[in-house]
PDB file of N, CA and C in Angstrom:
ATOM      1  N   UNK A   1      23.329  79.465 -30.887  1.00  0.00           N
ATOM      2  CA  UNK A   1      22.021  79.504 -30.283  1.00  0.00           C
ATOM      3  C   UNK A   1      21.826  78.328 -29.338  1.00  0.00           C
ATOM      4  N   UNK A   2      22.407  77.181 -29.662  1.00  0.00           N
ATOM      5  CA  UNK A   2      22.186  75.977 -28.877  1.00  0.00           C
ATOM      6  C   UNK A   2      22.561  76.186 -27.413  1.00  0.00           C
ATOM      7  N   UNK A   3      23.743  76.743 -27.152  1.00  0.00           N
ATOM      8  CA  UNK A   3      24.185  76.955 -25.772  1.00  0.00           C
ATOM      9  C   UNK A   3      23.292  77.968 -25.063  1.00  0.00           C
ATOM     10  N   UNK A   4      22.987  79.066 -25.726  1.00  0.00           N
ATOM     11  CA  UNK A   4      22.152  80.111 -25.143  1.00  0.00           C
ATOM     12  C   UNK A   4      20.766  79.567 -24.816  1.00  0.00           C
ATOM     13  N   UNK A   5      20.183  78.804 -25.732  1.00  0.00           N
ATOM     14  CA  UNK A   5      18.847  78.257 -25.509  1.00  0.00           C
ATOM     15  C   UNK A   5      18.853  77.280 -24.343  1.00  0.00           C
ATOM     16  N   UNK A   6      19.807  76.380 -24.325  1.00  0.00           N
ATOM     17  CA  UNK A   6      19.856  75.361 -23.270  1.00  0.00           C
ATOM     18  C   UNK A   6      20.081  75.979 -21.901  1.00  0.00           C
ATOM     19  N   UNK A   7      20.848  77.055 -21.833  1.00  0.00           N
ATOM     20  CA  UNK A   7      21.092  77.687 -20.535  1.00  0.00           C
ATOM     21  C   UNK A   7      19.834  78.339 -19.981  1.00  0.00           C
ATOM     22  N   UNK A   8      18.860  78.596 -20.831  1.00  0.00           N
ATOM     23  CA  UNK A   8      17.610  79.225 -20.404  1.00  0.00           C
ATOM     24  C   UNK A   8      16.451  78.229 -20.334  1.00  0.00           C
ATOM     25  N   UNK A   9      16.708  76.986 -20.684  1.00  0.00           N
ATOM     26  CA  UNK A   9      15.645  76.003 -20.737  1.00  0.00           C
ATOM     27  C   UNK A   9      15.126  75.630 -19.354  1.00  0.00           C
ATOM     28  N   UNK A  10      15.998  75.464 -18.381  1.00  0.00           N
ATOM     29  CA  UNK A  10      15.574  75.063 -17.040  1.00  0.00           C
ATOM     30  C   UNK A  10      14.609  76.062 -16.409  1.00  0.00           C
ATOM     31  N   UNK A  11      14.894  77.363 -16.441  1.00  0.00           N
ATOM     32  CA  UNK A  11      13.918  78.299 -15.857  1.00  0.00           C
ATOM     33  C   UNK A  11      12.560  78.237 -16.553  1.00  0.00           C
ATOM     34  N   UNK A  12      12.568  78.018 -17.852  1.00  0.00           N
ATOM     35  CA  UNK A  12      11.300  77.930 -18.587  1.00  0.00           C
ATOM     36  C   UNK A  12      10.514  76.710 -18.126  1.00  0.00           C
ATOM     37  N   UNK A  13      11.192  75.579 -17.986  1.00  0.00           N
ATOM     38  CA  UNK A  13      10.494  74.382 -17.516  1.00  0.00           C
ATOM     39  C   UNK A  13       9.996  74.555 -16.085  1.00  0.00           C
ATOM     40  N   UNK A  14      10.777  75.199 -15.245  1.00  0.00           N
ATOM     41  CA  UNK A  14      10.333  75.460 -13.868  1.00  0.00           C
ATOM     42  C   UNK A  14       9.082  76.326 -13.884  1.00  0.00           C
ATOM     43  N   UNK A  15       9.056  77.300 -14.780  1.00  0.00           N
ATOM     44  CA  UNK A  15       7.883  78.151 -14.900  1.00  0.00           C
ATOM     45  C   UNK A  15       6.657  77.339 -15.315  1.00  0.00           C
ATOM     46  N   UNK A  16       6.843  76.430 -16.262  1.00  0.00           N
ATOM     47  CA  UNK A  16       5.724  75.624 -16.744  1.00  0.00           C
ATOM     48  C   UNK A  16       5.159  74.771 -15.615  1.00  0.00           C
ATOM     49  N   UNK A  17       6.025  74.212 -14.786  1.00  0.00           N
ATOM     50  CA  UNK A  17       5.552  73.414 -13.655  1.00  0.00           C
ATOM     51  C   UNK A  17       4.745  74.291 -12.707  1.00  0.00           C
ATOM     52  N   UNK A  18       5.255  75.479 -12.426  1.00  0.00           N
ATOM     53  CA  UNK A  18       4.536  76.424 -11.566  1.00  0.00           C
ATOM     54  C   UNK A  18       3.199  76.801 -12.188  1.00  0.00           C
ATOM     55  N   UNK A  19       3.223  77.060 -13.468  1.00  0.00           N
ATOM     56  CA  UNK A  19       2.014  77.451 -14.178  1.00  0.00           C
ATOM     57  C   UNK A  19       0.982  76.324 -14.186  1.00  0.00           C
ATOM     58  N   UNK A  20       1.432  75.112 -14.363  1.00  0.00           N
ATOM     59  CA  UNK A  20       0.509  73.975 -14.399  1.00  0.00           C
ATOM     60  C   UNK A  20      -0.270  73.863 -13.097  1.00  0.00           C
ATOM     61  N   UNK A  21       0.397  74.132 -11.982  1.00  0.00           N
ATOM     62  CA  UNK A  21      -0.299  74.087 -10.698  1.00  0.00           C
ATOM     63  C   UNK A  21      -1.202  75.294 -10.518  1.00  0.00           C
ATOM     64  N   UNK A  22      -0.882  76.422 -11.165  1.00  0.00           N
ATOM     65  CA  UNK A  22      -1.688  77.632 -11.046  1.00  0.00           C
ATOM     66  C   UNK A  22      -2.915  77.636 -11.942  1.00  0.00           C
ATOM     67  N   UNK A  23      -3.015  76.669 -12.862  1.00  0.00           N
ATOM     68  CA  UNK A  23      -4.129  76.671 -13.818  1.00  0.00           C
ATOM     69  C   UNK A  23      -5.263  75.747 -13.418  1.00  0.00           C
ATOM     70  N   UNK A  24      -5.242  75.209 -12.267  1.00  0.00           N
ATOM     71  CA  UNK A  24      -6.306  74.277 -11.902  1.00  0.00           C
ATOM     72  C   UNK A  24      -7.128  74.793 -10.743  1.00  0.00           C
ATOM     73  N   UNK A  25      -7.978  73.950 -10.227  1.00  0.00           N
ATOM     74  CA  UNK A  25      -8.718  74.258  -9.018  1.00  0.00           C
ATOM     75  C   UNK A  25      -9.799  75.277  -9.197  1.00  0.00           C
ATOM     76  N   UNK A  26      -9.751  76.334  -8.388  1.00  0.00           N
ATOM     77  CA  UNK A  26     -10.830  77.314  -8.314  1.00  0.00           C
ATOM     78  C   UNK A  26     -10.648  78.500  -9.243  1.00  0.00           C
ATOM     79  N   UNK A  27      -9.743  78.394 -10.207  1.00  0.00           N
ATOM     80  CA  UNK A  27      -9.537  79.505 -11.131  1.00  0.00           C
ATOM     81  C   UNK A  27     -10.792  79.754 -11.951  1.00  0.00           C
ATOM     82  N   UNK A  28     -10.885  80.960 -12.452  1.00  0.00           N
ATOM     83  CA  UNK A  28     -11.964  81.311 -13.362  1.00  0.00           C
ATOM     84  C   UNK A  28     -11.913  80.368 -14.567  1.00  0.00           C
ATOM     85  N   UNK A  29     -13.024  79.702 -14.918  1.00  0.00           N
ATOM     86  CA  UNK A  29     -12.998  78.718 -16.003  1.00  0.00           C
ATOM     87  C   UNK A  29     -12.556  79.286 -17.348  1.00  0.00           C
ATOM     88  N   UNK A  30     -12.916  80.513 -17.658  1.00  0.00           N
ATOM     89  CA  UNK A  30     -12.510  81.111 -18.934  1.00  0.00           C
ATOM     90  C   UNK A  30     -11.009  81.334 -18.945  1.00  0.00           C
ATOM     91  N   UNK A  31     -10.479  81.902 -17.867  1.00  0.00           N
ATOM     92  CA  UNK A  31      -9.044  82.147 -17.764  1.00  0.00           C
ATOM     93  C   UNK A  31      -8.277  80.840 -17.764  1.00  0.00           C
ATOM     94  N   UNK A  32      -8.765  79.842 -17.042  1.00  0.00           N
ATOM     95  CA  UNK A  32      -8.088  78.550 -16.978  1.00  0.00           C
ATOM     96  C   UNK A  32      -8.047  77.883 -18.344  1.00  0.00           C
ATOM     97  N   UNK A  33      -9.151  77.952 -19.087  1.00  0.00           N
ATOM     98  CA  UNK A  33      -9.187  77.354 -20.420  1.00  0.00           C
ATOM     99  C   UNK A  33      -8.184  78.050 -21.337  1.00  0.00           C
ATOM    100  N   UNK A  34      -8.110  79.368 -21.249  1.00  0.00           N
ATOM    101  CA  UNK A  34      -7.155  80.122 -22.046  1.00  0.00           C
ATOM    102  C   UNK A  34      -5.730  79.755 -21.655  1.00  0.00           C
ATOM    103  N   UNK A  35      -5.497  79.636 -20.376  1.00  0.00           N
ATOM    104  CA  UNK A  35      -4.170  79.276 -19.884  1.00  0.00           C
ATOM    105  C   UNK A  35      -3.785  77.882 -20.381  1.00  0.00           C
ATOM    106  N   UNK A  36      -4.721  76.953 -20.327  1.00  0.00           N
ATOM    107  CA  UNK A  36      -4.431  75.590 -20.790  1.00  0.00           C
ATOM    108  C   UNK A  36      -4.109  75.582 -22.283  1.00  0.00           C
ATOM    109  N   UNK A  37      -4.792  76.405 -23.063  1.00  0.00           N
ATOM    110  CA  UNK A  37      -4.489  76.508 -24.492  1.00  0.00           C
ATOM    111  C   UNK A  37      -3.098  77.083 -24.706  1.00  0.00           C
ATOM    112  N   UNK A  38      -2.741  78.097 -23.904  1.00  0.00           N
ATOM    113  CA  UNK A  38      -1.412  78.698 -24.016  1.00  0.00           C
ATOM    114  C   UNK A  38      -0.326  77.695 -23.647  1.00  0.00           C
ATOM    115  N   UNK A  39      -0.563  76.904 -22.601  1.00  0.00           N
ATOM    116  CA  UNK A  39       0.404  75.890 -22.194  1.00  0.00           C
ATOM    117  C   UNK A  39       0.543  74.839 -23.293  1.00  0.00           C
ATOM    118  N   UNK A  40      -0.577  74.440 -23.875  1.00  0.00           N
ATOM    119  CA  UNK A  40      -0.550  73.463 -24.965  1.00  0.00           C
ATOM    120  C   UNK A  40       0.215  73.998 -26.170  1.00  0.00           C
ATOM    121  N   UNK A  41      -0.031  75.257 -26.521  1.00  0.00           N
ATOM    122  CA  UNK A  41       0.682  75.885 -27.644  1.00  0.00           C
ATOM    123  C   UNK A  41       2.176  75.980 -27.348  1.00  0.00           C
ATOM    124  N   UNK A  42       2.513  76.300 -26.096  1.00  0.00           N
ATOM    125  CA  UNK A  42       3.915  76.374 -25.690  1.00  0.00           C
ATOM    126  C   UNK A  42       4.576  75.010 -25.829  1.00  0.00           C
ATOM    127  N   UNK A  43       3.925  73.973 -25.322  1.00  0.00           N
ATOM    128  CA  UNK A  43       4.487  72.627 -25.398  1.00  0.00           C
ATOM    129  C   UNK A  43       4.672  72.201 -26.848  1.00  0.00           C
ATOM    130  N   UNK A  44       3.727  72.519 -27.697  1.00  0.00           N
ATOM    131  CA  UNK A  44       3.837  72.185 -29.112  1.00  0.00           C
ATOM    132  C   UNK A  44       5.008  72.916 -29.761  1.00  0.00           C
ATOM    133  N   UNK A  45       5.138  74.212 -29.465  1.00  0.00           N
ATOM    134  CA  UNK A  45       6.244  74.997 -30.015  1.00  0.00           C
ATOM    135  C   UNK A  45       7.587  74.481 -29.506  1.00  0.00           C
ATOM    136  N   UNK A  46       7.638  74.086 -28.245  1.00  0.00           N
ATOM    137  CA  UNK A  46       8.871  73.535 -27.683  1.00  0.00           C
ATOM    138  C   UNK A  46       9.221  72.219 -28.366  1.00  0.00           C
ATOM    139  N   UNK A  47       8.229  71.357 -28.554  1.00  0.00           N
ATOM    140  CA  UNK A  47       8.479  70.090 -29.237  1.00  0.00           C
ATOM    141  C   UNK A  47       8.989  70.314 -30.653  1.00  0.00           C
ATOM    142  N   UNK A  48       8.382  71.262 -31.365  1.00  0.00           N
ATOM    143  CA  UNK A  48       8.829  71.586 -32.717  1.00  0.00           C
ATOM    144  C   UNK A  48      10.270  72.086 -32.704  1.00  0.00           C
ATOM    145  N   UNK A  49      10.574  72.959 -31.783  1.00  0.00           N
ATOM    146  CA  UNK A  49      11.919  73.512 -31.692  1.00  0.00           C
ATOM    147  C   UNK A  49      12.951  72.432 -31.383  1.00  0.00           C
ATOM    148  N   UNK A  50      12.599  71.497 -30.527  1.00  0.00           N
ATOM    149  CA  UNK A  50      13.552  70.457 -30.142  1.00  0.00           C
ATOM    150  C   UNK A  50      13.884  69.521 -31.315  1.00  0.00           C
ATOM    151  N   UNK A  51      13.037  69.483 -32.332  1.00  0.00           N
ATOM    152  CA  UNK A  51      13.337  68.659 -33.501  1.00  0.00           C
ATOM    153  C   UNK A  51      14.368  69.325 -34.403  1.00  0.00           C
ATOM    154  N   UNK A  52      14.513  70.652 -34.296  1.00  0.00           N
ATOM    155  CA  UNK A  52      15.463  71.404 -35.122  1.00  0.00           C
ATOM    156  C   UNK A  52      15.824  72.686 -34.382  1.00  0.00           C
ATOM    157  N   UNK A  53      16.705  72.560 -33.415  1.00  0.00           N
ATOM    158  CA  UNK A  53      17.004  73.660 -32.496  1.00  0.00           C
ATOM    159  C   UNK A  53      17.677  74.851 -33.186  1.00  0.00           C
ATOM    160  N   UNK A  54      18.208  74.660 -34.375  1.00  0.00           N
ATOM    161  CA  UNK A  54      18.857  75.753 -35.100  1.00  0.00           C
ATOM    162  C   UNK A  54      17.883  76.529 -35.987  1.00  0.00           C
ATOM    163  N   UNK A  55      16.644  76.092 -36.087  1.00  0.00           N
ATOM    164  CA  UNK A  55      15.658  76.706 -36.963  1.00  0.00           C
ATOM    165  C   UNK A  55      15.149  78.017 -36.355  1.00  0.00           C
ATOM    166  N   UNK A  56      15.411  79.123 -37.036  1.00  0.00           N
ATOM    167  CA  UNK A  56      15.038  80.447 -36.522  1.00  0.00           C
ATOM    168  C   UNK A  56      13.522  80.619 -36.396  1.00  0.00           C
ATOM    169  N   UNK A  57      12.773  80.108 -37.379  1.00  0.00           N
ATOM    170  CA  UNK A  57      11.320  80.256 -37.328  1.00  0.00           C
ATOM    171  C   UNK A  57      10.729  79.488 -36.157  1.00  0.00           C
ATOM    172  N   UNK A  58      11.250  78.303 -35.896  1.00  0.00           N
ATOM    173  CA  UNK A  58      10.766  77.510 -34.761  1.00  0.00           C
ATOM    174  C   UNK A  58      11.142  78.174 -33.441  1.00  0.00           C
ATOM    175  N   UNK A  59      12.308  78.787 -33.409  1.00  0.00           N
ATOM    176  CA  UNK A  59      12.728  79.508 -32.204  1.00  0.00           C
ATOM    177  C   UNK A  59      11.808  80.702 -31.962  1.00  0.00           C
ATOM    178  N   UNK A  60      11.495  81.447 -33.015  1.00  0.00           N
ATOM    179  CA  UNK A  60      10.600  82.600 -32.877  1.00  0.00           C
ATOM    180  C   UNK A  60       9.204  82.169 -32.430  1.00  0.00           C
ATOM    181  N   UNK A  61       8.732  81.042 -32.976  1.00  0.00           N
ATOM    182  CA  UNK A  61       7.415  80.527 -32.581  1.00  0.00           C
ATOM    183  C   UNK A  61       7.424  80.118 -31.110  1.00  0.00           C
ATOM    184  N   UNK A  62       8.518  79.502 -30.672  1.00  0.00           N
ATOM    185  CA  UNK A  62       8.660  79.103 -29.275  1.00  0.00           C
ATOM    186  C   UNK A  62       8.663  80.336 -28.373  1.00  0.00           C
ATOM    187  N   UNK A  63       9.430  81.340 -28.761  1.00  0.00           N
ATOM    188  CA  UNK A  63       9.525  82.567 -27.961  1.00  0.00           C
ATOM    189  C   UNK A  63       8.168  83.255 -27.865  1.00  0.00           C
ATOM    190  N   UNK A  64       7.424  83.293 -28.970  1.00  0.00           N
ATOM    191  CA  UNK A  64       6.093  83.907 -28.963  1.00  0.00           C
ATOM    192  C   UNK A  64       5.134  83.124 -28.075  1.00  0.00           C
ATOM    193  N   UNK A  65       5.185  81.802 -28.161  1.00  0.00           N
ATOM    194  CA  UNK A  65       4.314  80.964 -27.332  1.00  0.00           C
ATOM    195  C   UNK A  65       4.670  81.133 -25.855  1.00  0.00           C
ATOM    196  N   UNK A  66       5.948  81.231 -25.561  1.00  0.00           N
ATOM    197  CA  UNK A  66       6.385  81.431 -24.183  1.00  0.00           C
ATOM    198  C   UNK A  66       5.898  82.769 -23.649  1.00  0.00           C
ATOM    199  N   UNK A  67       5.924  83.796 -24.493  1.00  0.00           N
ATOM    200  CA  UNK A  67       5.465  85.130 -24.084  1.00  0.00           C
ATOM    201  C   UNK A  67       3.969  85.138 -23.772  1.00  0.00           C
ATOM    202  N   UNK A  68       3.188  84.322 -24.477  1.00  0.00           N
ATOM    203  CA  UNK A  68       1.743  84.251 -24.236  1.00  0.00           C
ATOM    204  C   UNK A  68       1.433  83.746 -22.825  1.00  0.00           C
ATOM    205  N   UNK A  69       2.332  82.975 -22.248  1.00  0.00           N
ATOM    206  CA  UNK A  69       2.103  82.422 -20.916  1.00  0.00           C
ATOM    207  C   UNK A  69       2.119  83.486 -19.824  1.00  0.00           C
ATOM    208  N   UNK A  70       2.637  84.653 -20.135  1.00  0.00           N
ATOM    209  CA  UNK A  70       2.704  85.724 -19.138  1.00  0.00           C
ATOM    210  C   UNK A  70       1.332  86.189 -18.675  1.00  0.00           C
ATOM    211  N   UNK A  71       0.314  85.944 -19.482  1.00  0.00           N
ATOM    212  CA  UNK A  71      -1.039  86.367 -19.121  1.00  0.00           C
ATOM    213  C   UNK A  71      -1.776  85.346 -18.264  1.00  0.00           C
ATOM    214  N   UNK A  72      -1.180  84.183 -18.054  1.00  0.00           N
ATOM    215  CA  UNK A  72      -1.855  83.142 -17.273  1.00  0.00           C
ATOM    216  C   UNK A  72      -1.844  83.488 -15.780  1.00  0.00           C
ATOM    217  N   UNK A  73      -2.879  83.067 -15.065  1.00  0.00           N
ATOM    218  CA  UNK A  73      -2.941  83.338 -13.624  1.00  0.00           C
ATOM    219  C   UNK A  73      -1.938  82.467 -12.872  1.00  0.00           C
ATOM    220  N   UNK A  74      -1.749  82.773 -11.625  1.00  0.00           N
ATOM    221  CA  UNK A  74      -0.888  81.948 -10.789  1.00  0.00           C
ATOM    222  C   UNK A  74       0.548  82.440 -10.695  1.00  0.00           C
ATOM    223  N   UNK A  75       0.867  83.532 -11.349  1.00  0.00           N
ATOM    224  CA  UNK A  75       2.221  84.082 -11.278  1.00  0.00           C
ATOM    225  C   UNK A  75       2.254  85.270 -10.334  1.00  0.00           C
ATOM    226  N   UNK A  76       3.262  85.291  -9.489  1.00  0.00           N
ATOM    227  CA  UNK A  76       3.473  86.490  -8.680  1.00  0.00           C
ATOM    228  C   UNK A  76       4.138  87.533  -9.572  1.00  0.00           C
ATOM    229  N   UNK A  77       4.135  88.756  -9.144  1.00  0.00           N
ATOM    230  CA  UNK A  77       4.781  89.819  -9.919  1.00  0.00           C
ATOM    231  C   UNK A  77       6.267  89.516 -10.116  1.00  0.00           C
ATOM    232  N   UNK A  78       6.905  88.988  -9.089  1.00  0.00           N
ATOM    233  CA  UNK A  78       8.323  88.635  -9.185  1.00  0.00           C
ATOM    234  C   UNK A  78       8.566  87.515 -10.185  1.00  0.00           C
ATOM    235  N   UNK A  79       7.711  86.479 -10.130  1.00  0.00           N
ATOM    236  CA  UNK A  79       7.841  85.377 -11.078  1.00  0.00           C
ATOM    237  C   UNK A  79       7.606  85.863 -12.502  1.00  0.00           C
ATOM    238  N   UNK A  80       6.613  86.706 -12.671  1.00  0.00           N
ATOM    239  CA  UNK A  80       6.285  87.228 -13.999  1.00  0.00           C
ATOM    240  C   UNK A  80       7.457  88.032 -14.561  1.00  0.00           C
ATOM    241  N   UNK A  81       8.066  88.875 -13.742  1.00  0.00           N
ATOM    242  CA  UNK A  81       9.203  89.686 -14.188  1.00  0.00           C
ATOM    243  C   UNK A  81      10.403  88.808 -14.540  1.00  0.00           C
ATOM    244  N   UNK A  82      10.671  87.813 -13.708  1.00  0.00           N
ATOM    245  CA  UNK A  82      11.802  86.913 -13.969  1.00  0.00           C
ATOM    246  C   UNK A  82      11.575  86.110 -15.246  1.00  0.00           C
ATOM    247  N   UNK A  83      10.366  85.594 -15.402  1.00  0.00           N
ATOM    248  CA  UNK A  83      10.044  84.808 -16.587  1.00  0.00           C
ATOM    249  C   UNK A  83      10.096  85.684 -17.839  1.00  0.00           C
ATOM    250  N   UNK A  84       9.553  86.904 -17.755  1.00  0.00           N
ATOM    251  CA  UNK A  84       9.590  87.819 -18.891  1.00  0.00           C
ATOM    252  C   UNK A  84      11.027  88.106 -19.302  1.00  0.00           C
ATOM    253  N   UNK A  85      11.889  88.297 -18.334  1.00  0.00           N
ATOM    254  CA  UNK A  85      13.300  88.534 -18.617  1.00  0.00           C
ATOM    255  C   UNK A  85      13.921  87.336 -19.332  1.00  0.00           C
ATOM    256  N   UNK A  86      13.573  86.135 -18.890  1.00  0.00           N
ATOM    257  CA  UNK A  86      14.085  84.914 -19.519  1.00  0.00           C
ATOM    258  C   UNK A  86      13.618  84.832 -20.965  1.00  0.00           C
ATOM    259  N   UNK A  87      12.346  85.097 -21.205  1.00  0.00           N
ATOM    260  CA  UNK A  87      11.796  85.034 -22.558  1.00  0.00           C
ATOM    261  C   UNK A  87      12.471  86.080 -23.448  1.00  0.00           C
ATOM    262  N   UNK A  88      12.625  87.291 -22.949  1.00  0.00           N
ATOM    263  CA  UNK A  88      13.232  88.356 -23.735  1.00  0.00           C
ATOM    264  C   UNK A  88      14.680  88.051 -24.097  1.00  0.00           C
ATOM    265  N   UNK A  89      15.354  87.267 -23.278  1.00  0.00           N
ATOM    266  CA  UNK A  89      16.760  86.957 -23.524  1.00  0.00           C
ATOM    267  C   UNK A  89      16.984  85.746 -24.420  1.00  0.00           C
ATOM    268  N   UNK A  90      15.927  85.119 -24.890  1.00  0.00           N
ATOM    269  CA  UNK A  90      16.090  84.015 -25.842  1.00  0.00           C
ATOM    270  C   UNK A  90      16.446  84.636 -27.187  1.00  0.00           C
ATOM    271  N   UNK A  91      17.590  84.257 -27.703  1.00  0.00           N
ATOM    272  CA  UNK A  91      18.081  84.811 -28.962  1.00  0.00           C
ATOM    273  C   UNK A  91      17.856  83.798 -30.070  1.00  0.00           C
ATOM    274  N   UNK A  92      17.137  84.202 -31.088  1.00  0.00           N
ATOM    275  CA  UNK A  92      16.829  83.316 -32.224  1.00  0.00           C
ATOM    276  C   UNK A  92      17.644  83.740 -33.440  1.00  0.00           C
ATOM    277  N   UNK A  93      18.907  83.342 -33.458  1.00  0.00           N
ATOM    278  CA  UNK A  93      19.718  83.671 -34.641  1.00  0.00           C
ATOM    279  C   UNK A  93      20.640  82.551 -35.017  1.00  0.00           C
TER     280      UNK A  93
END
C-alpha cells in the first residue's frame, strides 16, 4: 500500500491547493463553510494516516474524506473527473 499511496499523494495535494483557492472570496458562504469543513476533515484524516500508513481503517477514513471534497466548488469538470479517478484508485489493503 505504501508505494501505491505515495504515487497518488502528489495529485491529491495539488487538488487541495487548487481547492483552497476555490473556497475563498465571493463563494456562497454556506458552500464555502462546508468546503472548509471538508478540507479540515481531509487534512485530519491525512495526518492520521501519515502516523500509520499501513492502517486500513485510517486509509479508508482518508479515502472517504477525500471523496467528500468532490462536492466543493472551484473544480472544473475535468479536474473533478481526474480527482475522482485518483480517489477511486487508492487501495486500502
